Amino acid sequence: PGALAPKVGPLGMSPKMVGDRIVEATQDFRGIRCVVKITVQNRVATCKVLPTASTLIVKALNEPDRPGHKKGDPIFHDGDLSFEDVVEVAKVIRFKSLSKHMS
């Protein structure tokens, strides 16, 4: 909420309310950095997670949360992905692509 205050304050909205909406929208991506699109209409904020390929791949690895992780330390991901997992990620990301069909 600290970084939201200068952006949301002039719109007449509470940063805590917007932060709570972001937390609700990102429940599936706990511990993973993801992009959130915030749309404000009539002083009501709606949050939508915009998935990236890296976010979906890390989520597909089903790694446990790292509660004791320090911000500066690098994170090394380890695990196996099936081809079906990769295809599912490609299907979700398809709307960003300019391709006509998946082949």
PDB file of N, CA and C in Angstrom:
ATOM      1  N   PRO A   1       0.802  -1.214   0.000  1.00  0.00           N
ATOM      2  CA  PRO A   1       0.000   0.000   0.000  1.00  0.00           C
ATOM      3  C   PRO A   1       0.838   1.269   0.000  1.00  0.00           C
ATOM      4  N   GLY A   2       2.088   1.205   0.447  1.00  0.00           N
ATOM      5  CA  GLY A   2       2.918   2.395   0.480  1.00  0.00           C
ATOM      6  C   GLY A   2       3.178   2.969  -0.900  1.00  0.00           C
ATOM      7  N   ALA A   3       3.417   2.116  -1.884  1.00  0.00           N
ATOM      8  CA  ALA A   3       3.667   2.582  -3.241  1.00  0.00           C
ATOM      9  C   ALA A   3       2.368   2.927  -3.965  1.00  0.00           C
ATOM     10  N   LEU A   4       1.260   2.433  -3.471  1.00  0.00           N
ATOM     11  CA  LEU A   4      -0.025   2.715  -4.113  1.00  0.00           C
ATOM     12  C   LEU A   4      -0.567   4.086  -3.746  1.00  0.00           C
ATOM     13  N   ALA A   5      -0.199   4.599  -2.578  1.00  0.00           N
ATOM     14  CA  ALA A   5      -0.800   5.838  -2.074  1.00  0.00           C
ATOM     15  C   ALA A   5      -0.639   7.011  -3.039  1.00  0.00           C
ATOM     16  N   PRO A   6       0.550   7.282  -3.587  1.00  0.00           N
ATOM     17  CA  PRO A   6       0.654   8.427  -4.494  1.00  0.00           C
ATOM     18  C   PRO A   6      -0.127   8.254  -5.795  1.00  0.00           C
ATOM     19  N   LYS A   7      -0.352   7.005  -6.200  1.00  0.00           N
ATOM     20  CA  LYS A   7      -1.046   6.763  -7.456  1.00  0.00           C
ATOM     21  C   LYS A   7      -2.561   6.723  -7.285  1.00  0.00           C
ATOM     22  N   VAL A   8      -3.024   6.176  -6.172  1.00  0.00           N
ATOM     23  CA  VAL A   8      -4.453   5.962  -5.968  1.00  0.00           C
ATOM     24  C   VAL A   8      -5.087   7.097  -5.158  1.00  0.00           C
ATOM     25  N   GLY A   9      -4.290   7.777  -4.347  1.00  0.00           N
ATOM     26  CA  GLY A   9      -4.806   8.851  -3.506  1.00  0.00           C
ATOM     27  C   GLY A   9      -5.515   9.957  -4.273  1.00  0.00           C
ATOM     28  N   PRO A  10      -4.928  10.475  -5.371  1.00  0.00           N
ATOM     29  CA  PRO A  10      -5.619  11.532  -6.116  1.00  0.00           C
ATOM     30  C   PRO A  10      -6.940  11.090  -6.736  1.00  0.00           C
ATOM     31  N   LEU A  11      -7.141   9.789  -6.884  1.00  0.00           N
ATOM     32  CA  LEU A  11      -8.403   9.291  -7.432  1.00  0.00           C
ATOM     33  C   LEU A  11      -9.486   9.209  -6.370  1.00  0.00           C
ATOM     34  N   GLY A  12      -9.126   9.497  -5.117  1.00  0.00           N
ATOM     35  CA  GLY A  12     -10.097   9.459  -4.033  1.00  0.00           C
ATOM     36  C   GLY A  12     -10.353   8.073  -3.490  1.00  0.00           C
ATOM     37  N   MET A  13      -9.347   7.198  -3.629  1.00  0.00           N
ATOM     38  CA  MET A  13      -9.509   5.820  -3.174  1.00  0.00           C
ATOM     39  C   MET A  13      -8.549   5.533  -2.040  1.00  0.00           C
ATOM     40  N   SER A  14      -8.882   4.558  -1.232  1.00  0.00           N
ATOM     41  CA  SER A  14      -8.037   4.150  -0.126  1.00  0.00           C
ATOM     42  C   SER A  14      -6.979   3.161  -0.624  1.00  0.00           C
ATOM     43  N   PRO A  15      -5.695   3.418  -0.362  1.00  0.00           N
ATOM     44  CA  PRO A  15      -4.654   2.471  -0.774  1.00  0.00           C
ATOM     45  C   PRO A  15      -4.810   1.104  -0.120  1.00  0.00           C
ATOM     46  N   LYS A  16      -5.318   1.071   1.114  1.00  0.00           N
ATOM     47  CA  LYS A  16      -5.520  -0.212   1.796  1.00  0.00           C
ATOM     48  C   LYS A  16      -6.568  -1.044   1.071  1.00  0.00           C
ATOM     49  N   MET A  17      -7.644  -0.404   0.607  1.00  0.00           N
ATOM     50  CA  MET A  17      -8.694  -1.124  -0.107  1.00  0.00           C
ATOM     51  C   MET A  17      -8.150  -1.712  -1.411  1.00  0.00           C
ATOM     52  N   VAL A  18      -7.357  -0.922  -2.142  1.00  0.00           N
ATOM     53  CA  VAL A  18      -6.785  -1.401  -3.399  1.00  0.00           C
ATOM     54  C   VAL A  18      -5.787  -2.525  -3.122  1.00  0.00           C
ATOM     55  N   GLY A  19      -4.982  -2.389  -2.062  1.00  0.00           N
ATOM     56  CA  GLY A  19      -4.038  -3.442  -1.695  1.00  0.00           C
ATOM     57  C   GLY A  19      -4.733  -4.738  -1.339  1.00  0.00           C
ATOM     58  N   ASP A  20      -5.867  -4.639  -0.637  1.00  0.00           N
ATOM     59  CA  ASP A  20      -6.631  -5.838  -0.301  1.00  0.00           C
ATOM     60  C   ASP A  20      -7.183  -6.515  -1.551  1.00  0.00           C
ATOM     61  N   ARG A  21      -7.606  -5.719  -2.515  1.00  0.00           N
ATOM     62  CA  ARG A  21      -8.114  -6.298  -3.774  1.00  0.00           C
ATOM     63  C   ARG A  21      -7.000  -6.997  -4.550  1.00  0.00           C
ATOM     64  N   ILE A  22      -5.800  -6.431  -4.499  1.00  0.00           N
ATOM     65  CA  ILE A  22      -4.660  -7.064  -5.173  1.00  0.00           C
ATOM     66  C   ILE A  22      -4.326  -8.391  -4.502  1.00  0.00           C
ATOM     67  N   VAL A  23      -4.372  -8.426  -3.177  1.00  0.00           N
ATOM     68  CA  VAL A  23      -4.099  -9.669  -2.447  1.00  0.00           C
ATOM     69  C   VAL A  23      -5.119 -10.736  -2.805  1.00  0.00           C
ATOM     70  N   GLU A  24      -6.393 -10.349  -2.924  1.00  0.00           N
ATOM     71  CA  GLU A  24      -7.439 -11.305  -3.301  1.00  0.00           C
ATOM     72  C   GLU A  24      -7.197 -11.848  -4.706  1.00  0.00           C
ATOM     73  N   ALA A  25      -6.792 -10.970  -5.634  1.00  0.00           N
ATOM     74  CA  ALA A  25      -6.610 -11.389  -7.023  1.00  0.00           C
ATOM     75  C   ALA A  25      -5.387 -12.283  -7.208  1.00  0.00           C
ATOM     76  N   THR A  26      -4.391 -12.144  -6.336  1.00  0.00           N
ATOM     77  CA  THR A  26      -3.143 -12.886  -6.518  1.00  0.00           C
ATOM     78  C   THR A  26      -3.001 -14.067  -5.560  1.00  0.00           C
ATOM     79  N   GLN A  27      -4.083 -14.598  -5.048  1.00  0.00           N
ATOM     80  CA  GLN A  27      -4.019 -15.740  -4.124  1.00  0.00           C
ATOM     81  C   GLN A  27      -3.351 -16.953  -4.768  1.00  0.00           C
ATOM     82  N   ASP A  28      -3.587 -17.177  -6.065  1.00  0.00           N
ATOM     83  CA  ASP A  28      -3.011 -18.346  -6.738  1.00  0.00           C
ATOM     84  C   ASP A  28      -1.511 -18.204  -6.964  1.00  0.00           C
ATOM     85  N   PHE A  29      -1.000 -16.972  -6.947  1.00  0.00           N
ATOM     86  CA  PHE A  29       0.400 -16.721  -7.247  1.00  0.00           C
ATOM     87  C   PHE A  29       1.172 -16.301  -5.998  1.00  0.00           C
ATOM     88  N   ARG A  30       0.864 -16.880  -4.869  1.00  0.00           N
ATOM     89  CA  ARG A  30       1.526 -16.514  -3.611  1.00  0.00           C
ATOM     90  C   ARG A  30       3.011 -16.863  -3.682  1.00  0.00           C
ATOM     91  N   GLY A  31       3.862 -15.890  -3.379  1.00  0.00           N
ATOM     92  CA  GLY A  31       5.308 -16.090  -3.399  1.00  0.00           C
ATOM     93  C   GLY A  31       5.933 -15.931  -4.764  1.00  0.00           C
ATOM     94  N   ILE A  32       5.138 -15.649  -5.791  1.00  0.00           N
ATOM     95  CA  ILE A  32       5.638 -15.474  -7.149  1.00  0.00           C
ATOM     96  C   ILE A  32       5.323 -14.045  -7.578  1.00  0.00           C
ATOM     97  N   ARG A  33       6.307 -13.370  -8.128  1.00  0.00           N
ATOM     98  CA  ARG A  33       6.076 -12.006  -8.613  1.00  0.00           C
ATOM     99  C   ARG A  33       5.252 -12.067  -9.894  1.00  0.00           C
ATOM    100  N   CYS A  34       4.177 -11.301  -9.942  1.00  0.00           N
ATOM    101  CA  CYS A  34       3.318 -11.302 -11.120  1.00  0.00           C
ATOM    102  C   CYS A  34       2.841  -9.879 -11.407  1.00  0.00           C
ATOM    103  N   VAL A  35       2.357  -9.672 -12.615  1.00  0.00           N
ATOM    104  CA  VAL A  35       1.886  -8.371 -13.060  1.00  0.00           C
ATOM    105  C   VAL A  35       0.389  -8.289 -12.808  1.00  0.00           C
ATOM    106  N   VAL A  36      -0.050  -7.159 -12.224  1.00  0.00           N
ATOM    107  CA  VAL A  36      -1.470  -6.960 -11.922  1.00  0.00           C
ATOM    108  C   VAL A  36      -1.930  -5.705 -12.632  1.00  0.00           C
ATOM    109  N   LYS A  37      -3.048  -5.818 -13.341  1.00  0.00           N
ATOM    110  CA  LYS A  37      -3.645  -4.663 -14.001  1.00  0.00           C
ATOM    111  C   LYS A  37      -4.784  -4.164 -13.125  1.00  0.00           C
ATOM    112  N   ILE A  38      -4.718  -2.883 -12.755  1.00  0.00           N
ATOM    113  CA  ILE A  38      -5.741  -2.288 -11.906  1.00  0.00           C
ATOM    114  C   ILE A  38      -6.561  -1.328 -12.759  1.00  0.00           C
ATOM    115  N   THR A  39      -7.860  -1.552 -12.788  1.00  0.00           N
ATOM    116  CA  THR A  39      -8.769  -0.686 -13.520  1.00  0.00           C
ATOM    117  C   THR A  39      -9.666   0.016 -12.515  1.00  0.00           C
ATOM    118  N   VAL A  40      -9.730   1.333 -12.599  1.00  0.00           N
ATOM    119  CA  VAL A  40     -10.549   2.116 -11.678  1.00  0.00           C
ATOM    120  C   VAL A  40     -11.698   2.726 -12.462  1.00  0.00           C
ATOM    121  N   GLN A  41     -12.907   2.436 -12.007  1.00  0.00           N
ATOM    122  CA  GLN A  41     -14.090   2.996 -12.645  1.00  0.00           C
ATOM    123  C   GLN A  41     -15.088   3.345 -11.555  1.00  0.00           C
ATOM    124  N   ASN A  42     -15.493   4.600 -11.496  1.00  0.00           N
ATOM    125  CA  ASN A  42     -16.422   5.098 -10.474  1.00  0.00           C
ATOM    126  C   ASN A  42     -15.910   4.814  -9.062  1.00  0.00           C
ATOM    127  N   ARG A  43     -14.614   5.047  -8.849  1.00  0.00           N
ATOM    128  CA  ARG A  43     -13.949   4.841  -7.556  1.00  0.00           C
ATOM    129  C   ARG A  43     -14.027   3.403  -7.051  1.00  0.00           C
ATOM    130  N   VAL A  44     -14.156   2.473  -7.976  1.00  0.00           N
ATOM    131  CA  VAL A  44     -14.135   1.050  -7.636  1.00  0.00           C
ATOM    132  C   VAL A  44     -12.986   0.417  -8.412  1.00  0.00           C
ATOM    133  N   ALA A  45     -12.066  -0.185  -7.700  1.00  0.00           N
ATOM    134  CA  ALA A  45     -10.903  -0.801  -8.324  1.00  0.00           C
ATOM    135  C   ALA A  45     -11.168  -2.271  -8.597  1.00  0.00           C
ATOM    136  N   THR A  46     -10.849  -2.700  -9.808  1.00  0.00           N
ATOM    137  CA  THR A  46     -10.898  -4.117 -10.156  1.00  0.00           C
ATOM    138  C   THR A  46      -9.491  -4.535 -10.559  1.00  0.00           C
ATOM    139  N   CYS A  47      -9.042  -5.658 -10.038  1.00  0.00           N
ATOM    140  CA  CYS A  47      -7.681  -6.137 -10.282  1.00  0.00           C
ATOM    141  C   CYS A  47      -7.727  -7.410 -11.106  1.00  0.00           C
ATOM    142  N   LYS A  48      -6.814  -7.504 -12.067  1.00  0.00           N
ATOM    143  CA  LYS A  48      -6.719  -8.681 -12.915  1.00  0.00           C
ATOM    144  C   LYS A  48      -5.251  -9.052 -13.045  1.00  0.00           C
ATOM    145  N   VAL A  49      -4.936 -10.318 -12.874  1.00  0.00           N
ATOM    146  CA  VAL A  49      -3.562 -10.792 -13.010  1.00  0.00           C
ATOM    147  C   VAL A  49      -3.282 -11.029 -14.488  1.00  0.00           C
ATOM    148  N   LEU A  50      -2.207 -10.414 -14.990  1.00  0.00           N
ATOM    149  CA  LEU A  50      -1.773 -10.623 -16.369  1.00  0.00           C
ATOM    150  C   LEU A  50      -0.628 -11.628 -16.338  1.00  0.00           C
ATOM    151  N   PRO A  51      -0.895 -12.881 -16.695  1.00  0.00           N
ATOM    152  CA  PRO A  51       0.138 -13.903 -16.558  1.00  0.00           C
ATOM    153  C   PRO A  51       1.238 -13.738 -17.602  1.00  0.00           C
ATOM    154  N   THR A  52       2.465 -13.976 -17.180  1.00  0.00           N
ATOM    155  CA  THR A  52       3.594 -14.033 -18.096  1.00  0.00           C
ATOM    156  C   THR A  52       4.047 -15.491 -18.168  1.00  0.00           C
ATOM    157  N   ALA A  53       4.831 -15.797 -19.174  1.00  0.00           N
ATOM    158  CA  ALA A  53       5.278 -17.180 -19.356  1.00  0.00           C
ATOM    159  C   ALA A  53       6.116 -17.633 -18.160  1.00  0.00           C
ATOM    160  N   SER A  54       7.010 -16.768 -17.683  1.00  0.00           N
ATOM    161  CA  SER A  54       7.863 -17.170 -16.565  1.00  0.00           C
ATOM    162  C   SER A  54       7.052 -17.405 -15.300  1.00  0.00           C
ATOM    163  N   THR A  55       6.056 -16.575 -15.059  1.00  0.00           N
ATOM    164  CA  THR A  55       5.208 -16.755 -13.882  1.00  0.00           C
ATOM    165  C   THR A  55       4.463 -18.082 -13.941  1.00  0.00           C
ATOM    166  N   LEU A  56       3.914 -18.401 -15.109  1.00  0.00           N
ATOM    167  CA  LEU A  56       3.161 -19.651 -15.241  1.00  0.00           C
ATOM    168  C   LEU A  56       4.067 -20.877 -15.159  1.00  0.00           C
ATOM    169  N   ILE A  57       5.286 -20.771 -15.656  1.00  0.00           N
ATOM    170  CA  ILE A  57       6.208 -21.909 -15.583  1.00  0.00           C
ATOM    171  C   ILE A  57       6.629 -22.152 -14.134  1.00  0.00           C
ATOM    172  N   VAL A  58       6.938 -21.087 -13.402  1.00  0.00           N
ATOM    173  CA  VAL A  58       7.314 -21.245 -11.994  1.00  0.00           C
ATOM    174  C   VAL A  58       6.139 -21.804 -11.206  1.00  0.00           C
ATOM    175  N   LYS A  59       4.912 -21.375 -11.540  1.00  0.00           N
ATOM    176  CA  LYS A  59       3.726 -21.901 -10.863  1.00  0.00           C
ATOM    177  C   LYS A  59       3.528 -23.383 -11.183  1.00  0.00           C
ATOM    178  N   ALA A  60       3.828 -23.781 -12.427  1.00  0.00           N
ATOM    179  CA  ALA A  60       3.669 -25.179 -12.823  1.00  0.00           C
ATOM    180  C   ALA A  60       4.684 -26.090 -12.143  1.00  0.00           C
ATOM    181  N   LEU A  61       5.804 -25.535 -11.673  1.00  0.00           N
ATOM    182  CA  LEU A  61       6.803 -26.342 -10.973  1.00  0.00           C
ATOM    183  C   LEU A  61       6.339 -26.756  -9.579  1.00  0.00           C
ATOM    184  N   ASN A  62       5.309 -26.107  -9.056  1.00  0.00           N
ATOM    185  CA  ASN A  62       4.744 -26.418  -7.730  1.00  0.00           C
ATOM    186  C   ASN A  62       5.797 -26.393  -6.637  1.00  0.00           C
ATOM    187  N   GLU A  63       6.591 -25.338  -6.628  1.00  0.00           N
ATOM    188  CA  GLU A  63       7.606 -25.195  -5.597  1.00  0.00           C
ATOM    189  C   GLU A  63       6.964 -24.669  -4.315  1.00  0.00           C
ATOM    190  N   PRO A  64       7.510 -25.055  -3.167  1.00  0.00           N
ATOM    191  CA  PRO A  64       6.951 -24.553  -1.906  1.00  0.00           C
ATOM    192  C   PRO A  64       7.304 -23.075  -1.706  1.00  0.00           C
ATOM    193  N   ASP A  65       6.549 -22.414  -0.837  1.00  0.00           N
ATOM    194  CA  ASP A  65       6.824 -21.016  -0.513  1.00  0.00           C
ATOM    195  C   ASP A  65       8.172 -20.906   0.187  1.00  0.00           C
ATOM    196  N   ARG A  66       8.779 -19.735   0.078  1.00  0.00           N
ATOM    197  CA  ARG A  66      10.058 -19.468   0.744  1.00  0.00           C
ATOM    198  C   ARG A  66       9.857 -18.345   1.748  1.00  0.00           C
ATOM    199  N   PRO A  67       9.359 -18.664   2.932  1.00  0.00           N
ATOM    200  CA  PRO A  67       9.077 -17.597   3.889  1.00  0.00           C
ATOM    201  C   PRO A  67      10.321 -16.895   4.414  1.00  0.00           C
ATOM    202  N   GLY A  68      11.469 -17.581   4.497  1.00  0.00           N
ATOM    203  CA  GLY A  68      12.682 -16.990   5.034  1.00  0.00           C
ATOM    204  C   GLY A  68      13.593 -16.419   3.965  1.00  0.00           C
ATOM    205  N   HIS A  69      13.085 -16.257   2.765  1.00  0.00           N
ATOM    206  CA  HIS A  69      13.909 -15.795   1.647  1.00  0.00           C
ATOM    207  C   HIS A  69      14.215 -14.312   1.781  1.00  0.00           C
ATOM    208  N   LYS A  70      15.503 -13.960   1.622  1.00  0.00           N
ATOM    209  CA  LYS A  70      15.903 -12.561   1.632  1.00  0.00           C
ATOM    210  C   LYS A  70      15.821 -12.009   0.221  1.00  0.00           C
ATOM    211  N   LYS A  71      15.494 -10.741   0.106  1.00  0.00           N
ATOM    212  CA  LYS A  71      15.215 -10.158  -1.195  1.00  0.00           C
ATOM    213  C   LYS A  71      16.416 -10.199  -2.147  1.00  0.00           C
ATOM    214  N   GLY A  72      17.622 -10.038  -1.669  1.00  0.00           N
ATOM    215  CA  GLY A  72      18.791  -9.979  -2.531  1.00  0.00           C
ATOM    216  C   GLY A  72      19.299 -11.327  -2.999  1.00  0.00           C
ATOM    217  N   ASP A  73      18.921 -12.401  -2.321  1.00  0.00           N
ATOM    218  CA  ASP A  73      19.432 -13.718  -2.667  1.00  0.00           C
ATOM    219  C   ASP A  73      18.791 -14.233  -3.956  1.00  0.00           C
ATOM    220  N   PRO A  74      19.584 -14.855  -4.832  1.00  0.00           N
ATOM    221  CA  PRO A  74      18.997 -15.418  -6.061  1.00  0.00           C
ATOM    222  C   PRO A  74      18.178 -16.669  -5.751  1.00  0.00           C
ATOM    223  N   ILE A  75      17.159 -16.890  -6.543  1.00  0.00           N
ATOM    224  CA  ILE A  75      16.314 -18.077  -6.390  1.00  0.00           C
ATOM    225  C   ILE A  75      16.607 -19.000  -7.568  1.00  0.00           C
ATOM    226  N   PHE A  76      16.945 -20.239  -7.256  1.00  0.00           N
ATOM    227  CA  PHE A  76      17.179 -21.235  -8.283  1.00  0.00           C
ATOM    228  C   PHE A  76      15.988 -22.183  -8.297  1.00  0.00           C
ATOM    229  N   HIS A  77      15.365 -22.321  -9.461  1.00  0.00           N
ATOM    230  CA  HIS A  77      14.198 -23.179  -9.590  1.00  0.00           C
ATOM    231  C   HIS A  77      14.640 -24.548 -10.091  1.00  0.00           C
ATOM    232  N   ASP A  78      14.044 -25.573  -9.515  1.00  0.00           N
ATOM    233  CA  ASP A  78      14.415 -26.926  -9.880  1.00  0.00           C
ATOM    234  C   ASP A  78      13.145 -27.754  -9.960  1.00  0.00           C
ATOM    235  N   GLY A  79      13.024 -28.536 -11.014  1.00  0.00           N
ATOM    236  CA  GLY A  79      11.859 -29.393 -11.144  1.00  0.00           C
ATOM    237  C   GLY A  79      11.700 -29.865 -12.576  1.00  0.00           C
ATOM    238  N   ASP A  80      10.726 -30.715 -12.761  1.00  0.00           N
ATOM    239  CA  ASP A  80      10.440 -31.266 -14.082  1.00  0.00           C
ATOM    240  C   ASP A  80       9.073 -30.797 -14.536  1.00  0.00           C
ATOM    241  N   LEU A  81       8.981 -30.454 -15.814  1.00  0.00           N
ATOM    242  CA  LEU A  81       7.710 -30.083 -16.426  1.00  0.00           C
ATOM    243  C   LEU A  81       7.399 -31.073 -17.522  1.00  0.00           C
ATOM    244  N   SER A  82       6.160 -31.473 -17.586  1.00  0.00           N
ATOM    245  CA  SER A  82       5.751 -32.343 -18.683  1.00  0.00           C
ATOM    246  C   SER A  82       5.447 -31.479 -19.903  1.00  0.00           C
ATOM    247  N   PHE A  83       5.384 -32.101 -21.049  1.00  0.00           N
ATOM    248  CA  PHE A  83       5.077 -31.367 -22.277  1.00  0.00           C
ATOM    249  C   PHE A  83       3.675 -30.772 -22.209  1.00  0.00           C
ATOM    250  N   GLU A  84       2.772 -31.464 -21.526  1.00  0.00           N
ATOM    251  CA  GLU A  84       1.401 -30.956 -21.382  1.00  0.00           C
ATOM    252  C   GLU A  84       1.391 -29.642 -20.587  1.00  0.00           C
ATOM    253  N   ASP A  85       2.261 -29.542 -19.573  1.00  0.00           N
ATOM    254  CA  ASP A  85       2.353 -28.300 -18.807  1.00  0.00           C
ATOM    255  C   ASP A  85       2.830 -27.147 -19.688  1.00  0.00           C
ATOM    256  N   VAL A  86       3.796 -27.426 -20.547  1.00  0.00           N
ATOM    257  CA  VAL A  86       4.312 -26.394 -21.442  1.00  0.00           C
ATOM    258  C   VAL A  86       3.238 -25.967 -22.435  1.00  0.00           C
ATOM    259  N   VAL A  87       2.459 -26.914 -22.929  1.00  0.00           N
ATOM    260  CA  VAL A  87       1.380 -26.593 -23.867  1.00  0.00           C
ATOM    261  C   VAL A  87       0.298 -25.758 -23.179  1.00  0.00           C
ATOM    262  N   GLU A  88      -0.006 -26.069 -21.924  1.00  0.00           N
ATOM    263  CA  GLU A  88      -0.996 -25.277 -21.179  1.00  0.00           C
ATOM    264  C   GLU A  88      -0.522 -23.834 -20.992  1.00  0.00           C
ATOM    265  N   VAL A  89       0.762 -23.664 -20.693  1.00  0.00           N
ATOM    266  CA  VAL A  89       1.314 -22.312 -20.564  1.00  0.00           C
ATOM    267  C   VAL A  89       1.202 -21.585 -21.902  1.00  0.00           C
ATOM    268  N   ALA A  90       1.509 -22.272 -22.990  1.00  0.00           N
ATOM    269  CA  ALA A  90       1.424 -21.653 -24.316  1.00  0.00           C
ATOM    270  C   ALA A  90      -0.010 -21.257 -24.656  1.00  0.00           C
ATOM    271  N   LYS A  91      -0.976 -22.056 -24.238  1.00  0.00           N
ATOM    272  CA  LYS A  91      -2.382 -21.722 -24.508  1.00  0.00           C
ATOM    273  C   LYS A  91      -2.820 -20.486 -23.734  1.00  0.00           C
ATOM    274  N   VAL A  92      -2.341 -20.349 -22.508  1.00  0.00           N
ATOM    275  CA  VAL A  92      -2.710 -19.186 -21.706  1.00  0.00           C
ATOM    276  C   VAL A  92      -2.064 -17.925 -22.272  1.00  0.00           C
ATOM    277  N   ILE A  93      -0.829 -18.030 -22.744  1.00  0.00           N
ATOM    278  CA  ILE A  93      -0.091 -16.882 -23.259  1.00  0.00           C
ATOM    279  C   ILE A  93      -0.483 -16.566 -24.701  1.00  0.00           C
ATOM    280  N   ARG A  94      -1.260 -17.384 -25.332  1.00  0.00           N
ATOM    281  CA  ARG A  94      -1.573 -17.236 -26.754  1.00  0.00           C
ATOM    282  C   ARG A  94      -2.184 -15.892 -27.092  1.00  0.00           C
ATOM    283  N   PHE A  95      -2.972 -15.305 -26.201  1.00  0.00           N
ATOM    284  CA  PHE A  95      -3.631 -14.040 -26.522  1.00  0.00           C
ATOM    285  C   PHE A  95      -2.624 -12.905 -26.732  1.00  0.00           C
ATOM    286  N   LYS A  96      -1.410 -13.059 -26.212  1.00  0.00           N
ATOM    287  CA  LYS A  96      -0.371 -12.048 -26.424  1.00  0.00           C
ATOM    288  C   LYS A  96       0.344 -12.249 -27.759  1.00  0.00           C
ATOM    289  N   SER A  97       0.205 -13.430 -28.318  1.00  0.00           N
ATOM    290  CA  SER A  97       0.926 -13.770 -29.548  1.00  0.00           C
ATOM    291  C   SER A  97       0.205 -13.215 -30.766  1.00  0.00           C
ATOM    292  N   LEU A  98       0.937 -13.030 -31.845  1.00  0.00           N
ATOM    293  CA  LEU A  98       0.337 -12.585 -33.086  1.00  0.00           C
ATOM    294  C   LEU A  98       0.063 -13.746 -34.031  1.00  0.00           C
ATOM    295  N   SER A  99       0.252 -14.973 -33.551  1.00  0.00           N
ATOM    296  CA  SER A  99       0.041 -16.127 -34.410  1.00  0.00           C
ATOM    297  C   SER A  99      -1.443 -16.387 -34.616  1.00  0.00           C
ATOM    298  N   LYS A 100      -1.776 -16.964 -35.777  1.00  0.00           N
ATOM    299  CA  LYS A 100      -3.178 -17.260 -36.079  1.00  0.00           C
ATOM    300  C   LYS A 100      -3.633 -18.561 -35.419  1.00  0.00           C
ATOM    301  N   HIS A 101      -2.729 -19.534 -35.317  1.00  0.00           N
ATOM    302  CA  HIS A 101      -3.069 -20.808 -34.690  1.00  0.00           C
ATOM    303  C   HIS A 101      -1.814 -21.411 -34.083  1.00  0.00           C
ATOM    304  N   MET A 102      -2.039 -22.319 -33.146  1.00  0.00           N
ATOM    305  CA  MET A 102      -0.906 -23.018 -32.539  1.00  0.00           C
ATOM    306  C   MET A 102      -0.567 -24.234 -33.383  1.00  0.00           C
ATOM    307  N   SER A 103       0.693 -24.351 -33.726  1.00  0.00           N
ATOM    308  CA  SER A 103       1.076 -25.526 -34.493  1.00  0.00           C
ATOM    309  C   SER A 103       2.303 -26.166 -33.899  1.00  0.00           C
TER     310      SER A 103
END
